[in-house]
Each structure stands twice: as C-alpha cells, then as structure tokens.
N, C-alpha and C. Protein backbone atom coordinates (compact mmCIF):
# COMPACT_ATOMS: atom_id res chain seq x y z
N MET A 1 14.25 -1.10 23.74
CA MET A 1 12.77 -0.87 22.98
C MET A 1 12.04 0.28 23.57
N GLU A 2 12.55 1.36 22.85
CA GLU A 2 12.31 2.43 23.31
C GLU A 2 10.56 3.10 22.59
N ARG A 3 10.97 2.73 20.90
CA ARG A 3 10.18 3.61 20.11
C ARG A 3 9.02 2.19 19.77
N THR A 4 7.68 2.84 19.31
CA THR A 4 6.68 1.64 18.81
C THR A 4 6.78 0.77 17.78
N HIS A 5 6.62 0.62 17.76
CA HIS A 5 6.81 -1.13 16.89
C HIS A 5 5.34 -1.14 16.18
N ARG A 6 5.64 -1.37 14.76
CA ARG A 6 3.86 -1.21 14.22
C ARG A 6 4.55 -2.81 13.13
N ILE A 7 3.50 -4.00 13.69
CA ILE A 7 3.93 -5.20 12.73
C ILE A 7 1.99 -5.58 12.40
N MET A 8 2.14 -5.76 11.36
CA MET A 8 1.35 -6.92 10.33
C MET A 8 1.56 -8.21 10.37
N PHE A 9 0.83 -9.05 10.96
CA PHE A 9 1.20 -10.49 10.50
C PHE A 9 0.11 -11.00 9.28
N VAL A 10 0.51 -11.68 8.13
CA VAL A 10 -0.42 -11.94 7.14
C VAL A 10 -0.33 -12.76 6.77
N CYS A 11 -1.53 -14.03 6.03
CA CYS A 11 -1.38 -15.26 5.81
C CYS A 11 -2.41 -14.80 4.83
N HIS A 12 -2.77 -16.00 4.07
CA HIS A 12 -3.82 -15.55 2.94
C HIS A 12 -5.22 -15.56 3.28
N GLY A 13 -6.06 -16.11 4.80
CA GLY A 13 -7.34 -15.82 4.91
C GLY A 13 -7.94 -15.01 5.97
N ASN A 14 -6.98 -15.08 6.86
CA ASN A 14 -6.43 -14.64 8.25
C ASN A 14 -7.23 -15.03 8.39
N ILE A 15 -7.66 -16.33 9.38
CA ILE A 15 -8.24 -17.13 10.05
C ILE A 15 -7.81 -18.24 10.82
N CYS A 16 -6.53 -18.39 10.36
CA CYS A 16 -5.63 -19.25 10.84
C CYS A 16 -4.11 -18.74 11.76
N ARG A 17 -3.52 -18.99 10.59
CA ARG A 17 -2.04 -18.23 11.07
C ARG A 17 -1.43 -16.87 11.54
N SER A 18 -1.91 -16.02 10.98
CA SER A 18 -1.68 -14.73 11.32
C SER A 18 -2.31 -14.17 12.25
N PRO A 19 -4.06 -14.84 12.34
CA PRO A 19 -4.58 -14.44 13.79
C PRO A 19 -3.50 -15.03 14.81
N MET A 20 -3.12 -16.04 14.89
CA MET A 20 -2.17 -16.55 15.95
C MET A 20 -1.24 -15.56 16.32
N ALA A 21 -0.54 -15.57 15.16
CA ALA A 21 0.84 -14.73 15.46
C ALA A 21 0.44 -13.81 16.04
N GLU A 22 -0.83 -12.52 15.86
CA GLU A 22 -0.90 -11.52 16.42
C GLU A 22 -1.69 -12.22 17.48
N PHE A 23 -1.91 -13.38 18.19
CA PHE A 23 -2.48 -12.63 19.64
C PHE A 23 -1.58 -13.61 20.52
N LEU A 24 -0.78 -14.15 20.17
CA LEU A 24 0.26 -15.34 20.97
C LEU A 24 1.51 -13.34 20.59
N LEU A 25 1.79 -12.60 20.03
CA LEU A 25 2.62 -11.96 20.06
C LEU A 25 2.13 -10.88 20.80
N LYS A 26 1.14 -10.64 20.55
CA LYS A 26 0.15 -9.75 21.47
C LYS A 26 0.09 -10.05 23.61
N ASP A 27 -0.01 -11.42 24.19
CA ASP A 27 -0.09 -12.20 24.89
C ASP A 27 1.80 -11.92 25.18
N MET A 28 2.87 -12.45 24.63
CA MET A 28 3.98 -12.17 25.01
C MET A 28 4.57 -10.83 25.46
N ILE A 29 4.33 -9.89 24.82
CA ILE A 29 4.49 -8.87 24.78
C ILE A 29 3.54 -8.00 26.27
N LYS A 30 2.08 -8.58 26.21
CA LYS A 30 1.77 -7.79 27.46
C LYS A 30 2.22 -8.59 28.71
N LYS A 31 3.36 -9.77 28.91
CA LYS A 31 3.64 -10.32 30.10
C LYS A 31 5.45 -10.05 30.01
N GLU A 32 5.98 -9.11 29.08
CA GLU A 32 6.98 -8.35 29.31
C GLU A 32 6.95 -7.27 29.71
N GLY A 33 5.56 -6.99 29.95
CA GLY A 33 5.77 -5.28 30.04
C GLY A 33 5.65 -4.10 29.02
N LEU A 34 5.71 -4.73 27.54
CA LEU A 34 5.76 -3.96 26.54
C LEU A 34 4.71 -4.14 25.83
N ALA A 35 2.89 -4.01 25.96
CA ALA A 35 2.49 -3.77 25.11
C ALA A 35 2.20 -2.28 24.68
N ASP A 36 2.89 -1.02 25.25
CA ASP A 36 2.71 0.19 25.33
C ASP A 36 3.38 0.44 23.60
N ARG A 37 4.47 -0.28 23.59
CA ARG A 37 5.38 -0.33 22.80
C ARG A 37 5.18 -0.93 20.92
N PHE A 38 3.84 -1.56 21.15
CA PHE A 38 3.60 -2.25 19.88
C PHE A 38 2.58 -1.77 19.51
N VAL A 39 2.36 -1.57 18.27
CA VAL A 39 1.01 -1.84 17.39
C VAL A 39 1.21 -3.48 16.52
N ILE A 40 0.04 -4.11 16.96
CA ILE A 40 -0.50 -5.72 16.31
C ILE A 40 -1.17 -5.66 15.49
N ALA A 41 -1.44 -6.45 14.50
CA ALA A 41 -2.82 -6.51 13.61
C ALA A 41 -2.55 -7.83 12.62
N SER A 42 -3.29 -8.03 12.41
CA SER A 42 -3.10 -9.59 11.36
C SER A 42 -4.53 -8.93 9.89
N ALA A 43 -3.48 -9.67 8.93
CA ALA A 43 -4.49 -9.67 7.89
C ALA A 43 -4.79 -10.76 6.92
N GLY A 44 -5.15 -10.51 5.99
CA GLY A 44 -4.91 -11.99 5.08
C GLY A 44 -5.01 -11.41 3.11
N THR A 45 -4.52 -11.72 2.78
CA THR A 45 -4.10 -11.77 1.25
C THR A 45 -5.37 -11.52 0.18
N SER A 46 -6.13 -12.47 0.96
CA SER A 46 -7.61 -12.98 0.02
C SER A 46 -8.54 -12.45 0.76
N ARG A 47 -9.63 -12.09 -0.45
CA ARG A 47 -11.27 -12.30 0.07
C ARG A 47 -12.15 -13.11 0.72
N GLU A 48 -11.38 -14.10 0.43
CA GLU A 48 -12.56 -15.24 0.73
C GLU A 48 -12.81 -15.25 2.16
N GLU A 49 -12.08 -15.09 3.05
CA GLU A 49 -12.38 -15.18 4.34
C GLU A 49 -12.58 -13.65 5.04
N ILE A 50 -12.92 -12.82 4.42
CA ILE A 50 -13.40 -11.20 4.69
C ILE A 50 -14.87 -11.56 5.75
N GLY A 51 -14.31 -11.01 6.90
CA GLY A 51 -15.76 -11.07 7.99
C GLY A 51 -15.93 -12.40 8.74
N ASN A 52 -15.06 -13.06 7.99
CA ASN A 52 -14.84 -14.24 9.47
C ASN A 52 -14.04 -14.42 10.43
N PRO A 53 -14.39 -15.29 11.93
CA PRO A 53 -13.90 -15.33 13.02
C PRO A 53 -12.88 -15.91 12.87
N VAL A 54 -11.67 -16.19 13.90
CA VAL A 54 -10.99 -16.83 13.73
C VAL A 54 -11.17 -18.35 13.45
N HIS A 55 -10.28 -19.05 12.83
CA HIS A 55 -10.87 -20.93 13.01
C HIS A 55 -11.01 -20.77 13.82
N GLN A 56 -11.85 -22.02 14.57
CA GLN A 56 -11.95 -22.50 15.51
C GLN A 56 -10.67 -23.60 16.13
N GLY A 57 -10.01 -24.38 15.27
CA GLY A 57 -8.64 -24.84 15.59
C GLY A 57 -7.48 -23.45 15.98
N THR A 58 -7.45 -22.46 15.88
CA THR A 58 -6.63 -21.39 16.17
C THR A 58 -7.15 -20.90 17.27
N ARG A 59 -8.70 -20.75 17.61
CA ARG A 59 -9.26 -20.51 18.91
C ARG A 59 -9.07 -21.23 19.71
N LYS A 60 -9.14 -22.98 19.63
CA LYS A 60 -8.74 -23.46 20.81
C LYS A 60 -7.45 -23.55 21.30
N LYS A 61 -6.36 -23.02 19.93
CA LYS A 61 -5.35 -23.53 20.64
C LYS A 61 -4.35 -22.36 21.13
N LEU A 62 -4.83 -21.00 20.65
CA LEU A 62 -4.56 -20.35 21.86
C LEU A 62 -5.45 -20.08 22.77
N ALA A 63 -6.27 -20.71 23.06
CA ALA A 63 -7.42 -21.18 24.43
C ALA A 63 -6.71 -22.16 25.42
N GLN A 64 -5.48 -23.13 24.69
CA GLN A 64 -5.34 -23.66 25.56
C GLN A 64 -4.12 -22.90 26.85
N ASP A 65 -3.61 -21.53 26.32
CA ASP A 65 -2.42 -21.13 26.53
C ASP A 65 -3.01 -20.14 27.11
N HIS A 66 -4.33 -19.91 27.40
CA HIS A 66 -4.88 -18.74 28.11
C HIS A 66 -5.16 -17.40 27.24
N ILE A 67 -5.23 -17.72 26.32
CA ILE A 67 -5.03 -16.72 25.21
C ILE A 67 -6.46 -16.35 24.43
N SER A 68 -6.71 -15.48 23.98
CA SER A 68 -7.92 -15.39 23.41
C SER A 68 -8.14 -14.49 22.39
N ALA A 69 -9.21 -14.60 21.52
CA ALA A 69 -8.58 -14.21 19.89
C ALA A 69 -10.28 -13.88 19.57
N ALA A 70 -10.74 -13.35 20.45
CA ALA A 70 -12.75 -13.19 20.84
C ALA A 70 -12.48 -11.66 19.82
N GLY A 71 -13.68 -11.25 19.04
CA GLY A 71 -13.51 -10.03 18.17
C GLY A 71 -12.83 -9.66 17.32
N LYS A 72 -11.92 -10.19 17.18
CA LYS A 72 -11.41 -10.68 15.55
C LYS A 72 -12.33 -11.27 14.56
N TYR A 73 -12.20 -10.31 13.31
CA TYR A 73 -12.61 -11.03 11.86
C TYR A 73 -11.71 -10.88 11.27
N ALA A 74 -11.48 -11.43 9.62
CA ALA A 74 -10.85 -10.86 9.02
C ALA A 74 -10.43 -9.98 8.45
N VAL A 75 -9.66 -9.54 7.68
CA VAL A 75 -9.77 -8.69 6.72
C VAL A 75 -8.46 -8.12 5.98
N GLN A 76 -9.06 -7.89 4.85
CA GLN A 76 -8.33 -8.32 3.53
C GLN A 76 -6.73 -6.88 4.38
N LEU A 77 -5.18 -7.56 3.81
CA LEU A 77 -4.33 -6.30 2.94
C LEU A 77 -4.53 -5.59 2.69
N THR A 78 -4.14 -4.22 2.10
CA THR A 78 -4.45 -3.08 1.93
C THR A 78 -2.99 -2.05 1.28
N LYS A 79 -3.08 -1.24 0.33
CA LYS A 79 -1.59 -1.02 0.03
C LYS A 79 -1.42 -0.05 0.69
N GLU A 80 -2.58 0.85 1.64
CA GLU A 80 -2.11 1.79 2.48
C GLU A 80 -1.40 1.10 3.88
N ASP A 81 -1.82 -0.14 4.05
CA ASP A 81 -0.90 -0.69 5.53
C ASP A 81 0.87 -0.80 5.54
N TYR A 82 1.04 -1.22 4.09
CA TYR A 82 2.35 -0.80 3.56
C TYR A 82 2.97 0.93 4.79
N GLU A 83 2.74 1.55 4.86
CA GLU A 83 3.17 3.11 5.08
C GLU A 83 2.24 2.43 6.85
N LYS A 84 1.83 2.15 7.29
CA LYS A 84 0.99 2.12 8.43
C LYS A 84 2.08 0.98 9.35
N TYR A 85 2.67 0.40 9.10
CA TYR A 85 3.74 -1.01 9.34
C TYR A 85 4.69 -0.60 9.30
N ASP A 86 5.77 -1.34 10.37
CA ASP A 86 6.80 -1.61 10.24
C ASP A 86 7.65 -2.54 9.48
N LEU A 87 7.07 -3.67 10.11
CA LEU A 87 7.09 -4.78 9.16
C LEU A 87 5.63 -6.01 8.72
N ILE A 88 6.18 -6.12 7.86
CA ILE A 88 4.68 -6.77 6.74
C ILE A 88 5.35 -8.08 7.13
N LEU A 89 4.69 -9.82 7.95
CA LEU A 89 5.18 -10.69 7.95
C LEU A 89 4.57 -11.71 7.19
N GLY A 90 4.43 -12.70 6.29
CA GLY A 90 3.60 -13.31 5.54
C GLY A 90 4.30 -14.26 6.29
N MET A 91 3.64 -15.96 6.62
CA MET A 91 3.57 -17.35 6.89
C MET A 91 4.37 -17.64 5.77
N ASP A 92 4.65 -17.70 4.43
CA ASP A 92 4.91 -18.73 3.94
C ASP A 92 5.54 -17.91 2.28
N ARG A 93 6.11 -18.53 1.45
CA ARG A 93 6.55 -18.04 0.28
C ARG A 93 5.16 -17.43 -0.47
N ALA A 94 4.22 -17.65 -0.62
CA ALA A 94 2.83 -17.58 -1.38
C ALA A 94 2.56 -16.77 -1.18
N ASN A 95 2.45 -16.46 0.46
CA ASN A 95 2.10 -14.79 1.42
C ASN A 95 2.81 -13.81 0.89
N ILE A 96 4.06 -13.80 0.64
CA ILE A 96 4.94 -12.43 0.64
C ILE A 96 4.60 -12.29 -1.17
N SER A 97 4.63 -13.40 -2.08
CA SER A 97 4.15 -12.88 -3.73
C SER A 97 2.66 -12.28 -3.43
N ASN A 98 1.46 -12.34 -3.03
CA ASN A 98 0.78 -11.91 -3.00
C ASN A 98 1.14 -10.83 -2.06
N ILE A 99 1.59 -10.34 -0.68
CA ILE A 99 1.88 -9.43 -0.50
C ILE A 99 2.48 -8.37 -1.01
N LEU A 100 3.47 -8.77 -1.85
CA LEU A 100 3.82 -7.47 -2.92
C LEU A 100 2.44 -6.92 -4.30
N ARG A 101 2.08 -8.50 -4.25
CA ARG A 101 1.02 -7.94 -5.37
C ARG A 101 0.22 -6.94 -4.97
N ILE A 102 -0.02 -7.19 -3.81
CA ILE A 102 -1.32 -6.07 -3.16
C ILE A 102 -0.36 -4.48 -2.38
N ILE A 103 1.00 -4.82 -1.99
CA ILE A 103 1.45 -3.44 -1.99
C ILE A 103 2.05 -2.76 -3.33
N GLY A 104 2.36 -2.92 -4.08
CA GLY A 104 3.19 -2.86 -5.19
C GLY A 104 4.54 -3.23 -5.14
N SER A 105 5.20 -2.45 -4.33
CA SER A 105 6.83 -2.52 -3.78
C SER A 105 7.37 -2.73 -2.78
N ASP A 106 8.38 -2.81 -1.86
CA ASP A 106 9.00 -3.18 -0.60
C ASP A 106 10.14 -2.47 -0.60
N PRO A 107 9.64 -1.01 -0.38
CA PRO A 107 11.52 -0.24 -1.70
C PRO A 107 12.05 0.08 0.23
N GLN A 108 11.34 -0.05 1.14
CA GLN A 108 11.69 0.12 2.56
C GLN A 108 12.41 -1.54 3.41
N GLU A 109 11.90 -2.36 2.57
CA GLU A 109 12.34 -3.90 2.92
C GLU A 109 11.24 -4.41 4.30
N LYS A 110 10.50 -3.86 4.37
CA LYS A 110 9.73 -4.15 5.45
C LYS A 110 8.93 -5.71 5.94
N VAL A 111 8.54 -6.72 4.45
CA VAL A 111 8.12 -7.75 4.06
C VAL A 111 9.21 -8.70 4.11
N HIS A 112 8.15 -9.81 5.32
CA HIS A 112 9.45 -10.97 5.43
C HIS A 112 9.10 -11.65 6.00
N ARG A 113 8.73 -13.05 5.75
CA ARG A 113 8.83 -14.02 6.87
C ARG A 113 8.78 -14.14 7.95
N LEU A 114 7.53 -14.30 8.72
CA LEU A 114 8.04 -14.75 10.21
C LEU A 114 9.36 -15.23 10.77
N LEU A 115 9.35 -17.29 9.57
CA LEU A 115 10.42 -17.41 10.72
C LEU A 115 11.91 -17.24 9.83
N ASP A 116 12.01 -15.87 9.17
CA ASP A 116 12.96 -15.47 7.97
C ASP A 116 13.80 -14.88 9.69
N PHE A 117 13.39 -14.56 10.98
CA PHE A 117 14.19 -14.27 12.14
C PHE A 117 14.72 -15.21 13.30
N THR A 118 14.28 -16.44 12.36
CA THR A 118 14.59 -17.96 13.57
C THR A 118 15.85 -18.27 12.77
N GLU A 119 16.63 -19.12 13.44
CA GLU A 119 17.48 -19.56 12.62
C GLU A 119 17.66 -20.72 11.61
N LEU A 120 16.73 -21.15 12.05
CA LEU A 120 16.08 -21.93 10.74
C LEU A 120 14.97 -21.13 9.85
N PRO A 121 15.20 -20.74 8.62
CA PRO A 121 14.22 -19.30 7.88
C PRO A 121 13.76 -20.91 6.64
N ARG A 122 12.04 -20.88 7.06
CA ARG A 122 11.19 -21.31 5.89
C ARG A 122 9.74 -21.15 6.14
N ASP A 123 9.12 -21.61 5.62
CA ASP A 123 7.28 -21.00 5.32
C ASP A 123 6.55 -22.57 6.86
N ILE A 124 5.66 -22.07 7.25
CA ILE A 124 4.89 -21.96 8.04
C ILE A 124 3.73 -22.80 7.21
N ALA A 125 3.64 -24.16 7.45
CA ALA A 125 2.57 -24.75 7.10
C ALA A 125 1.21 -23.99 7.24
N ASP A 126 -0.01 -23.92 6.24
CA ASP A 126 -1.58 -23.79 6.31
C ASP A 126 -2.14 -24.58 7.46
N PRO A 127 -2.53 -24.74 8.15
CA PRO A 127 -2.92 -25.47 8.94
C PRO A 127 -4.70 -26.22 8.90
N TRP A 128 -5.04 -24.62 7.76
CA TRP A 128 -6.29 -25.26 6.68
C TRP A 128 -6.39 -25.93 6.34
N TYR A 129 -5.22 -26.67 5.38
CA TYR A 129 -4.82 -27.29 4.76
C TYR A 129 -4.17 -29.25 5.42
N THR A 130 -3.50 -28.70 6.32
CA THR A 130 -2.97 -29.67 7.27
C THR A 130 -3.39 -30.01 8.09
N GLY A 131 -4.11 -29.20 8.83
CA GLY A 131 -5.20 -29.92 10.35
C GLY A 131 -4.58 -29.72 11.44
N ASP A 132 -2.66 -29.65 11.18
CA ASP A 132 -1.99 -29.77 12.57
C ASP A 132 -1.51 -28.63 13.00
N PHE A 133 -2.25 -27.74 13.78
CA PHE A 133 -2.71 -26.45 14.69
C PHE A 133 -1.10 -26.97 15.59
N GLU A 134 -1.23 -27.90 16.18
CA GLU A 134 0.63 -27.82 16.80
C GLU A 134 1.62 -27.20 16.30
N ILE A 135 1.50 -28.06 15.48
CA ILE A 135 2.95 -27.50 14.86
C ILE A 135 2.97 -25.95 14.11
N THR A 136 2.09 -26.08 13.33
CA THR A 136 1.35 -24.13 13.37
C THR A 136 1.42 -23.30 14.89
N TYR A 137 1.52 -23.77 15.64
CA TYR A 137 1.73 -22.59 17.30
C TYR A 137 3.05 -22.91 17.45
N ALA A 138 3.93 -24.21 17.67
CA ALA A 138 4.77 -24.40 18.22
C ALA A 138 5.90 -23.09 16.68
N GLU A 139 5.73 -23.54 15.48
CA GLU A 139 6.82 -22.50 14.84
C GLU A 139 6.26 -21.13 14.99
N ILE A 140 5.44 -20.64 15.30
CA ILE A 140 4.71 -19.40 15.10
C ILE A 140 5.12 -18.80 16.20
N LYS A 141 5.01 -19.32 17.56
CA LYS A 141 5.74 -19.17 19.08
C LYS A 141 7.19 -19.23 18.92
N ALA A 142 7.99 -19.87 18.19
CA ALA A 142 9.44 -19.51 18.15
C ALA A 142 10.07 -18.52 17.07
N GLY A 143 8.43 -18.20 16.03
CA GLY A 143 9.29 -17.02 15.19
C GLY A 143 8.59 -15.74 15.85
N CYS A 144 7.94 -15.42 16.61
CA CYS A 144 7.89 -14.47 17.32
C CYS A 144 8.79 -14.15 18.56
N ALA A 145 9.74 -15.60 19.27
CA ALA A 145 10.35 -15.25 19.85
C ALA A 145 11.58 -14.34 19.50
N ALA A 146 11.87 -14.87 18.36
CA ALA A 146 13.00 -14.74 17.75
C ALA A 146 12.89 -13.32 16.94
N LEU A 147 11.17 -13.02 16.94
CA LEU A 147 11.08 -11.55 16.05
C LEU A 147 11.56 -10.81 17.37
N LEU A 148 10.94 -10.86 18.78
CA LEU A 148 11.21 -9.98 19.65
C LEU A 148 12.95 -10.05 20.22
N LYS A 149 13.22 -10.99 19.96
CA LYS A 149 14.90 -11.63 20.78
C LYS A 149 15.47 -9.69 19.13
N HIS A 150 15.21 -9.99 18.25
CA HIS A 150 15.26 -8.89 16.96
C HIS A 150 15.30 -7.69 17.24
N LEU A 151 14.36 -7.27 17.60
CA LEU A 151 13.40 -5.94 18.09
C LEU A 151 14.96 -5.45 19.00
N ARG A 152 14.65 -6.42 20.38
CA ARG A 152 15.53 -5.73 21.47
C ARG A 152 16.61 -5.52 20.90
N ARG A 153 17.22 -5.40 19.86
CA ARG A 153 18.65 -5.08 19.62
C ARG A 153 18.62 -4.04 18.80
N PHE A 154 17.47 -3.53 18.62
CA PHE A 154 17.16 -1.89 18.30
C PHE A 154 16.50 -0.95 19.44
C-alpha cells in the first residue's frame, strides 16, 4: 500500500454506521502502522442530523474497543467529495441511490457498499431503526477488514 487511499464512508444521517466505519478503520490502520497511507472520513446523504454528534449507541460500541469518536459531528456528502475520495462506501442500497443523486454519476466506479468487499455482499442494517449496534458493529468490522485486504492487493 504505497499510495494514499482516500475513503469516504456514507450512511443516511452520519451519526451511526458511517462514523462507526470511519473510526473503526482509522483504529485498524493505526494498529497496523498505516495511518499515513489513508485519509478517512464519513458523511450522510440527508441533512437531518447535520451538526449532531455521533449517536450514543455507536459511541458506546466503539468505546468498548477503546475507540473514540470525540469531535465528530454529522456532515452531508457533497458533489465535490467525488473528486476528493478514491472510494465512497455506502452502507446500503438506499445510501448508494442517494449518493448517486448527490454526486450525479460514477464514471470512475468509486461508489460501492462496504460489504461488497466481503464474500457475502449485502446491506448493513441501520441501528437507528433496529437498535442492534452489536450486529452493525460486527458487519462494519468485517467490511473494513475485507476492504483492507482488497487494498493490500494494489
């Protein structure tokens, strides 16, 4: 992994899944000594949560692994983000549709679901609705590990 990888995680509001993925991946690459090879961020497709902190369920789950999301506040994805990032990773099909609505098109094929990098591509359920941060955390962790494995090949 010689080059810098620029990754944007995206969910609906940028308070649950996408910041969970952002801080989990940051922790994983820090532990592997690769932090200088990545730029990682997260955003939402809606305006509903802009300026709000990370959901307490996500903060609590991350804290169990000694990961902090302090200082993160929800932002909305912009059309300009398409040029800033190599990968824009949504958590579910609805996120992908909304990402494409915001950016217009994906000629460089940067937009994917996070779990598309795993052996079982699928949507990650939103814990805002399910209340199950455990399953979401396990799926995001698996997705981040598969993403790193994928990036190591280049």
